[in-house]
Amino acid sequence: MNNKKTVIGISMGDPSGIGMEVILKTLNHDFVYDYCTPVLYGSTKVFSDVKNKIDGETLSYNLIKKIDEAQDGKLNLISTSNEPFEYTLGQPSKSSGKQALLAIDRMLKDVSEGKLQVIVTAPVDKNTINGNIAFNGHTGYIAKHLGVKNHLMILFNDELRVGLVTEHIPISEITKTITKELIVAKAQTFIDALRNDFGIIKPKIAVLGLNPHAGDGGAIGKEEESIIMPAIESFSANDNAFVFGPYSADGLWGSKNLMRFDGVLAMYHDQGLAPFKALAFNEGVNFTAGLPIIRTSPDHGTAYNIADRFEASPSSFSASLFSALKLYATRKELEELKANFLPFSELKRERFRLETRDLDNM
């Protein structure tokens, strides 16, 4: 591979959505290539169509067959399908879902072979991919592919990090899914990510309750007392991590105390992500913690309603790309520090006497 910068894999997302648009708008700036070597996995047809629409004539790219051919200073494109297909911007279809999945799978092949340590995924439509295989989202799909059980979805910006105990499951399944063991596993993954990927050595996590007003002492739900509190109590401050709660979700989101924590662990998807997106939409980043690689994505979906207008903001995708590079750099730096950790040496007090002649020479 002819490069020295961090190689970052990017999957194109759903061809009928804004994925390729926000990717190319981000990569159409020369300064990006000062920090990384991007490898885009996707359809050459979609790439060409969108490139012409966003005035990307100056975008320098290199069509390659394998990642080892990637070059610094330009976008590297790997075609993930040779079969002809039709797509319409803004119109979901099974064929678009198939193309999105082919891009993901081709990129994950390079991940499995150890050729990628950093990836960014553009938005997909679960419904269209489900027309091809069972699929409930990038997070679980990538974790399963890599054989990882204890993973965690985290959305973050510069000030806020929100993790989810449960992700893409129906509301009716939440109480059946949440257990003490699950909360402990998710909280521990959160702690590890805050330390190893965000560089926060003594993280403080706020755990939200499941019920309104965190159960109100058992008056409107027992899960806080029977499941969530025992999970919180299993963590000790002696581990240099502080886990507090359970907090009433509406109370914490509406208070200034929110910013006193390094992370918030929500019990279910909308409890955590609806408030987060209200506070940080278009600047948030979705990060899958617990993986052996760094994986991020923007905090928005396919945006079919504006896909044919070419007016989508690339802000969240750009944040995802640069955040992935920063997370990877932090993880790598801490791994190197741990590998070269100075051995403990007991402090010895030296005895000396200060003579008058020594003062004269100072």
Protein backbone atom coordinates (compact mmCIF):
# COMPACT_ATOMS: atom_id res chain seq x y z
CA MET A 1 0.00 0.00 0.00
CA ASN A 2 1.57 3.24 -1.18
CA ASN A 3 0.72 5.56 1.70
CA LYS A 4 1.81 6.74 5.13
CA LYS A 5 -1.37 8.38 6.38
CA THR A 6 -4.24 6.59 8.13
CA VAL A 7 -6.29 4.66 5.58
CA ILE A 8 -10.00 5.15 6.21
CA GLY A 9 -12.68 2.97 4.63
CA ILE A 10 -15.99 4.56 3.62
CA SER A 11 -19.13 2.71 2.51
CA MET A 12 -21.37 4.67 0.13
CA GLY A 13 -24.69 4.08 1.91
CA ASP A 14 -28.03 3.86 0.12
CA PRO A 15 -27.65 5.04 -3.52
CA SER A 16 -31.13 6.60 -3.42
CA GLY A 17 -30.30 8.72 -0.36
CA ILE A 18 -27.83 11.50 0.41
CA GLY A 19 -24.91 9.22 1.37
CA MET A 20 -22.78 9.65 -1.75
CA GLU A 21 -23.57 13.36 -1.80
CA VAL A 22 -22.31 14.10 1.72
CA ILE A 23 -19.28 11.84 1.16
CA LEU A 24 -18.16 13.63 -1.99
CA LYS A 25 -18.92 17.09 -0.59
CA THR A 26 -16.58 16.23 2.29
CA LEU A 27 -13.87 14.69 0.11
CA ASN A 28 -13.99 17.55 -2.39
CA HIS A 29 -11.64 19.56 -0.12
CA ASP A 30 -7.88 19.18 -0.44
CA PHE A 31 -7.19 19.55 3.29
CA VAL A 32 -8.90 16.19 3.97
CA TYR A 33 -6.00 14.42 2.28
CA ASP A 34 -3.52 16.02 4.67
CA TYR A 35 -4.96 13.80 7.39
CA CYS A 36 -5.94 10.52 5.77
CA THR A 37 -6.11 8.32 2.69
CA PRO A 38 -9.81 7.64 1.99
CA VAL A 39 -10.95 4.44 0.27
CA LEU A 40 -14.58 4.61 -0.91
CA TYR A 41 -16.50 1.36 -1.43
CA GLY A 42 -19.48 1.62 -3.77
CA SER A 43 -20.96 1.85 -7.22
CA THR A 44 -18.98 3.68 -9.92
CA LYS A 45 -22.31 4.61 -11.53
CA VAL A 46 -23.60 6.34 -8.40
CA PHE A 47 -20.20 7.93 -7.85
CA SER A 48 -20.15 9.44 -11.36
CA ASP A 49 -23.78 10.59 -11.22
CA VAL A 50 -23.33 12.42 -7.92
CA LYS A 51 -19.87 13.77 -8.73
CA ASN A 52 -21.27 15.56 -11.77
CA LYS A 53 -24.16 17.00 -9.78
CA ILE A 54 -22.06 18.53 -6.99
CA ASP A 55 -19.59 20.23 -9.31
CA GLY A 56 -16.85 17.78 -8.40
CA GLU A 57 -14.75 18.18 -11.56
CA THR A 58 -11.65 18.93 -9.49
CA LEU A 59 -12.09 15.84 -7.29
CA SER A 60 -9.06 13.68 -7.97
CA TYR A 61 -9.70 9.96 -7.64
CA ASN A 62 -8.04 6.65 -8.30
CA LEU A 63 -10.09 3.60 -9.37
CA ILE A 64 -8.51 0.56 -7.71
CA LYS A 65 -9.31 -3.15 -7.44
CA LYS A 66 -7.83 -3.75 -4.00
CA ILE A 67 -6.92 -1.64 -1.00
CA ASP A 68 -3.20 -2.33 -1.39
CA GLU A 69 -3.28 -0.06 -4.45
CA ALA A 70 -4.55 2.94 -2.48
CA GLN A 71 -2.54 6.13 -2.92
CA ASP A 72 -2.06 9.21 -0.78
CA GLY A 73 -3.37 12.59 -1.87
CA LYS A 74 -6.49 11.43 -3.68
CA LEU A 75 -9.73 9.54 -3.23
CA ASN A 76 -9.44 5.81 -3.92
CA LEU A 77 -12.57 4.11 -5.26
CA ILE A 78 -13.25 0.36 -5.09
CA SER A 79 -16.16 -0.79 -7.24
CA THR A 80 -18.35 -3.15 -5.24
CA SER A 81 -20.66 -4.33 -8.04
CA ASN A 82 -20.38 -4.89 -11.78
CA GLU A 83 -24.04 -5.72 -12.29
CA PRO A 84 -26.29 -3.08 -13.90
CA PHE A 85 -28.97 -1.62 -11.65
CA GLU A 86 -31.40 1.25 -11.70
CA TYR A 87 -32.04 3.68 -8.87
CA THR A 88 -33.97 6.89 -8.38
CA LEU A 89 -32.90 9.51 -5.90
CA GLY A 90 -35.45 9.77 -3.12
CA GLN A 91 -37.12 6.47 -3.99
CA PRO A 92 -36.26 3.47 -1.75
CA SER A 93 -35.89 0.14 -3.53
CA LYS A 94 -34.67 -3.40 -2.95
CA SER A 95 -31.95 -2.93 -5.57
CA SER A 96 -30.60 0.15 -3.76
CA GLY A 97 -30.59 -1.85 -0.51
CA LYS A 98 -28.60 -4.59 -2.23
CA GLN A 99 -26.00 -2.12 -3.50
CA ALA A 100 -25.64 -0.57 -0.05
CA LEU A 101 -25.11 -4.03 1.46
CA LEU A 102 -22.53 -4.99 -1.18
CA ALA A 103 -20.50 -1.89 -0.26
CA ILE A 104 -20.62 -2.71 3.46
CA ASP A 105 -19.67 -6.36 2.93
CA ARG A 106 -16.77 -5.50 0.60
CA MET A 107 -15.40 -3.04 3.13
CA LEU A 108 -15.79 -5.53 5.99
CA LYS A 109 -13.79 -8.07 3.97
CA ASP A 110 -10.81 -5.70 4.13
CA VAL A 111 -11.47 -5.15 7.83
CA SER A 112 -11.43 -8.91 8.46
CA GLU A 113 -8.12 -9.19 6.62
CA GLY A 114 -6.58 -6.53 8.87
CA LYS A 115 -6.25 -3.94 6.11
CA LEU A 116 -8.52 -1.35 7.72
CA GLN A 117 -8.62 -0.07 11.28
CA VAL A 118 -10.90 2.92 10.67
CA ILE A 119 -14.24 2.94 8.81
CA VAL A 120 -17.10 5.38 8.26
CA THR A 121 -20.50 4.19 7.08
CA ALA A 122 -22.93 6.41 5.19
CA PRO A 123 -26.67 6.11 5.97
CA VAL A 124 -28.66 3.09 4.79
CA ASP A 125 -32.33 2.12 4.81
CA LYS A 126 -32.97 -0.93 7.01
CA ASN A 127 -36.17 -1.73 5.10
CA THR A 128 -34.52 -1.96 1.69
CA ILE A 129 -31.64 -4.06 3.01
CA ASN A 130 -34.16 -6.27 4.78
CA GLY A 131 -35.50 -7.03 1.33
CA ASN A 132 -32.23 -8.90 0.81
CA ILE A 133 -31.19 -10.18 4.26
CA ALA A 134 -32.22 -9.76 7.91
CA PHE A 135 -30.72 -6.42 8.97
CA ASN A 136 -31.50 -4.18 11.95
CA GLY A 137 -28.71 -1.64 11.56
CA HIS A 138 -24.99 -1.12 11.01
CA THR A 139 -24.09 -1.45 14.69
CA GLY A 140 -25.28 -5.00 15.25
CA TYR A 141 -24.36 -6.13 11.74
CA ILE A 142 -20.73 -5.03 12.00
CA ALA A 143 -20.37 -6.32 15.56
CA LYS A 144 -21.69 -9.74 14.52
CA HIS A 145 -19.37 -9.83 11.51
CA LEU A 146 -16.40 -9.15 13.80
CA GLY A 147 -17.57 -11.63 16.44
CA VAL A 148 -18.09 -8.94 19.10
CA LYS A 149 -20.88 -9.43 21.67
CA ASN A 150 -20.30 -6.53 24.06
CA HIS A 151 -20.64 -3.50 21.83
CA LEU A 152 -22.29 -0.15 22.48
CA MET A 153 -23.89 2.51 20.30
CA ILE A 154 -22.66 5.96 21.35
CA LEU A 155 -23.73 9.26 19.83
CA PHE A 156 -21.50 12.21 20.65
CA ASN A 157 -20.38 15.70 19.86
CA ASP A 158 -17.77 17.90 21.52
CA GLU A 159 -19.77 18.22 24.75
CA LEU A 160 -22.01 15.18 25.08
CA ARG A 161 -21.80 11.36 24.81
CA VAL A 162 -24.89 9.15 24.95
CA GLY A 163 -24.79 5.34 25.04
CA LEU A 164 -27.72 2.93 24.63
CA VAL A 165 -28.48 -0.21 26.62
CA THR A 166 -30.94 -1.35 23.93
CA GLU A 167 -30.87 -0.18 20.32
CA HIS A 168 -33.23 -1.01 17.45
CA ILE A 169 -35.91 -3.06 19.17
CA PRO A 170 -39.65 -2.42 19.59
CA ILE A 171 -40.78 -0.57 22.70
CA SER A 172 -42.76 -3.65 23.70
CA GLU A 173 -39.53 -5.67 23.93
CA ILE A 174 -37.54 -3.25 26.10
CA THR A 175 -38.59 -4.45 29.56
CA LYS A 176 -38.06 -8.07 28.49
CA THR A 177 -34.55 -7.30 27.23
CA ILE A 178 -33.09 -5.14 30.01
CA THR A 179 -31.30 -7.12 32.72
CA LYS A 180 -28.75 -6.27 35.38
CA GLU A 181 -26.11 -8.17 33.40
CA LEU A 182 -26.87 -6.26 30.20
CA ILE A 183 -26.63 -2.88 31.94
CA VAL A 184 -23.35 -3.85 33.59
CA ALA A 185 -21.90 -5.01 30.25
CA LYS A 186 -22.98 -1.84 28.42
CA ALA A 187 -21.72 0.43 31.21
CA GLN A 188 -18.36 -1.34 31.25
CA THR A 189 -18.04 -1.00 27.47
CA PHE A 190 -18.88 2.70 27.89
CA ILE A 191 -16.18 3.09 30.56
CA ASP A 192 -13.59 1.31 28.41
CA ALA A 193 -14.44 3.49 25.40
CA LEU A 194 -14.28 6.72 27.40
CA ARG A 195 -10.85 5.71 28.66
CA ASN A 196 -9.29 4.12 25.60
CA ASP A 197 -10.91 6.04 22.74
CA PHE A 198 -11.80 9.42 24.26
CA GLY A 199 -8.83 9.59 26.67
CA ILE A 200 -10.94 10.22 29.79
CA ILE A 201 -9.09 8.29 32.48
CA LYS A 202 -11.63 8.64 35.32
CA PRO A 203 -15.01 8.74 33.56
CA LYS A 204 -18.28 9.72 35.24
CA ILE A 205 -21.43 8.11 33.83
CA ALA A 206 -25.06 9.00 34.53
CA VAL A 207 -27.45 6.06 34.16
CA LEU A 208 -31.05 6.89 33.30
CA GLY A 209 -34.04 5.11 34.78
CA LEU A 210 -36.47 3.20 32.62
CA ASN A 211 -39.77 4.52 33.96
CA PRO A 212 -41.07 8.10 34.29
CA HIS A 213 -39.38 9.85 37.22
CA ALA A 214 -37.04 6.84 37.52
CA GLY A 215 -39.90 4.80 38.96
CA ASP A 216 -40.72 7.34 41.68
CA GLY A 217 -39.64 4.98 44.45
CA GLY A 218 -41.48 2.04 42.91
CA ALA A 219 -44.80 3.85 42.49
CA ILE A 220 -44.63 3.73 38.67
CA GLY A 221 -42.30 0.84 38.01
CA LYS A 222 -40.00 -1.55 39.83
CA GLU A 223 -37.18 -1.92 37.29
CA GLU A 224 -35.09 0.83 38.89
CA GLU A 225 -35.02 -0.94 42.26
CA SER A 226 -34.81 -4.53 41.02
CA ILE A 227 -32.52 -4.20 37.97
CA ILE A 228 -30.92 -0.81 37.38
CA MET A 229 -29.79 0.08 40.91
CA PRO A 230 -28.13 -3.33 41.53
CA ALA A 231 -26.26 -2.89 38.23
CA ILE A 232 -25.03 0.56 39.27
CA GLU A 233 -23.99 -0.69 42.71
CA SER A 234 -21.78 -3.35 41.14
CA PHE A 235 -19.35 -0.61 40.08
CA SER A 236 -16.87 0.75 42.58
CA ALA A 237 -15.10 4.10 42.59
CA ASN A 238 -11.95 2.14 43.34
CA ASP A 239 -11.94 1.21 39.65
CA ASN A 240 -11.39 4.90 38.79
CA ALA A 241 -14.84 5.06 37.20
CA PHE A 242 -17.94 6.60 38.70
CA VAL A 243 -21.40 5.31 37.78
CA PHE A 244 -24.35 7.26 39.18
CA GLY A 245 -28.13 6.95 38.99
CA PRO A 246 -30.72 6.02 38.12
CA TYR A 247 -31.77 9.51 37.08
CA SER A 248 -35.15 10.61 35.82
CA ALA A 249 -34.58 11.11 32.08
CA ASP A 250 -36.60 14.33 31.77
CA GLY A 251 -34.96 15.79 34.85
CA LEU A 252 -31.40 15.11 33.74
CA TRP A 253 -31.89 16.23 30.14
CA GLY A 254 -33.43 19.45 31.35
CA SER A 255 -30.78 20.30 33.94
CA LYS A 256 -27.30 21.79 33.92
CA ASN A 257 -26.07 18.69 35.76
CA LEU A 258 -25.95 16.94 32.40
CA MET A 259 -22.60 18.50 31.54
CA ARG A 260 -21.02 17.27 34.78
CA PHE A 261 -20.93 13.75 33.34
CA ASP A 262 -18.64 12.31 30.70
CA GLY A 263 -21.41 10.07 29.39
CA VAL A 264 -25.12 9.30 29.74
CA LEU A 265 -26.33 5.70 29.51
CA ALA A 266 -29.94 5.54 28.30
CA MET A 267 -32.14 2.46 28.56
CA TYR A 268 -33.59 2.62 25.05
CA HIS A 269 -33.16 4.32 21.68
CA ASP A 270 -35.47 7.33 21.81
CA GLN A 271 -34.81 8.02 25.50
CA GLY A 272 -31.22 8.84 24.58
CA LEU A 273 -31.21 9.85 20.94
CA ALA A 274 -34.29 12.07 20.71
CA PRO A 275 -32.87 14.57 23.26
CA PHE A 276 -29.36 14.23 21.81
CA LYS A 277 -30.50 15.04 18.29
CA ALA A 278 -32.58 17.95 19.57
CA LEU A 279 -29.38 19.36 21.07
CA ALA A 280 -26.83 18.37 18.45
CA PHE A 281 -28.45 17.45 15.13
CA ASN A 282 -26.15 17.73 12.08
CA GLU A 283 -23.05 17.81 14.28
CA GLY A 284 -23.44 14.48 16.06
CA VAL A 285 -21.44 11.34 15.38
CA ASN A 286 -22.52 7.72 15.81
CA PHE A 287 -19.69 5.56 17.22
CA THR A 288 -19.72 1.81 17.80
CA ALA A 289 -17.71 1.17 20.97
CA GLY A 290 -16.24 -2.20 21.85
CA LEU A 291 -15.00 -3.09 18.36
CA PRO A 292 -11.36 -3.90 17.51
CA ILE A 293 -11.61 -1.12 14.89
CA ILE A 294 -12.95 2.43 14.93
CA ARG A 295 -16.35 2.80 13.24
CA THR A 296 -18.37 6.00 12.99
CA SER A 297 -21.30 7.29 10.96
CA PRO A 298 -23.34 10.51 10.72
CA ASP A 299 -26.27 10.99 13.08
CA HIS A 300 -28.86 11.29 10.27
CA GLY A 301 -30.56 8.90 7.87
CA THR A 302 -30.92 8.63 4.10
CA ALA A 303 -33.00 11.85 3.87
CA TYR A 304 -34.93 10.65 0.81
CA ASN A 305 -37.04 13.82 0.92
CA ILE A 306 -34.10 16.01 -0.16
CA ALA A 307 -31.93 13.46 -1.99
CA ASP A 308 -32.72 14.84 -5.47
CA ARG A 309 -32.03 18.46 -4.49
CA PHE A 310 -28.30 18.11 -3.72
CA GLU A 311 -28.58 20.58 -0.86
CA ALA A 312 -27.73 18.18 2.00
CA SER A 313 -25.28 19.42 4.61
CA PRO A 314 -22.12 17.31 4.91
CA SER A 315 -21.47 18.55 8.47
CA SER A 316 -22.32 15.33 10.29
CA PHE A 317 -20.46 13.14 7.81
CA SER A 318 -17.40 15.41 7.98
CA ALA A 319 -17.55 15.26 11.78
CA SER A 320 -17.78 11.47 11.56
CA LEU A 321 -14.69 11.23 9.37
CA PHE A 322 -12.49 13.50 11.47
CA SER A 323 -13.82 12.07 14.74
CA ALA A 324 -12.92 8.57 13.54
CA LEU A 325 -9.36 9.72 12.89
CA LYS A 326 -9.15 11.38 16.30
CA LEU A 327 -10.55 8.33 18.11
CA TYR A 328 -8.09 6.08 16.31
CA ALA A 329 -5.16 8.36 17.15
CA THR A 330 -6.17 8.42 20.83
CA ARG A 331 -6.58 4.64 20.97
CA LYS A 332 -3.23 4.09 19.26
CA GLU A 333 -1.42 6.58 21.50
CA LEU A 334 -2.79 5.00 24.70
CA GLU A 335 -1.92 1.51 23.47
CA GLU A 336 1.66 2.65 22.85
CA LEU A 337 1.85 4.29 26.27
CA LYS A 338 0.60 1.12 27.96
CA ALA A 339 3.07 -1.01 26.03
CA ASN A 340 5.95 1.23 27.13
CA PHE A 341 4.75 1.94 30.64
CA LEU A 342 7.51 2.98 33.04
CA PRO A 343 8.05 0.39 35.80
CA PHE A 344 7.18 1.40 39.34
CA SER A 345 10.14 2.59 41.33
CA GLU A 346 9.91 3.31 45.03
CA LEU A 347 10.88 6.88 45.86
CA LYS A 348 14.08 7.03 47.89
CA ARG A 349 14.98 10.06 49.94
CA GLU A 350 18.48 11.30 49.29
CA ARG A 351 20.57 12.63 52.19
CA PHE A 352 22.85 15.58 51.47
CA ARG A 353 24.48 18.50 53.21
CA LEU A 354 24.64 21.97 51.75
CA GLU A 355 28.01 23.57 52.38
CA THR A 356 28.68 27.33 52.39
CA ARG A 357 31.03 26.88 49.45
CA ASP A 358 28.16 25.30 47.48
CA LEU A 359 26.11 28.47 47.97
CA ASP A 360 28.95 30.55 46.60
CA ASN A 361 28.94 28.52 43.40
CA MET A 362 25.18 28.76 42.79
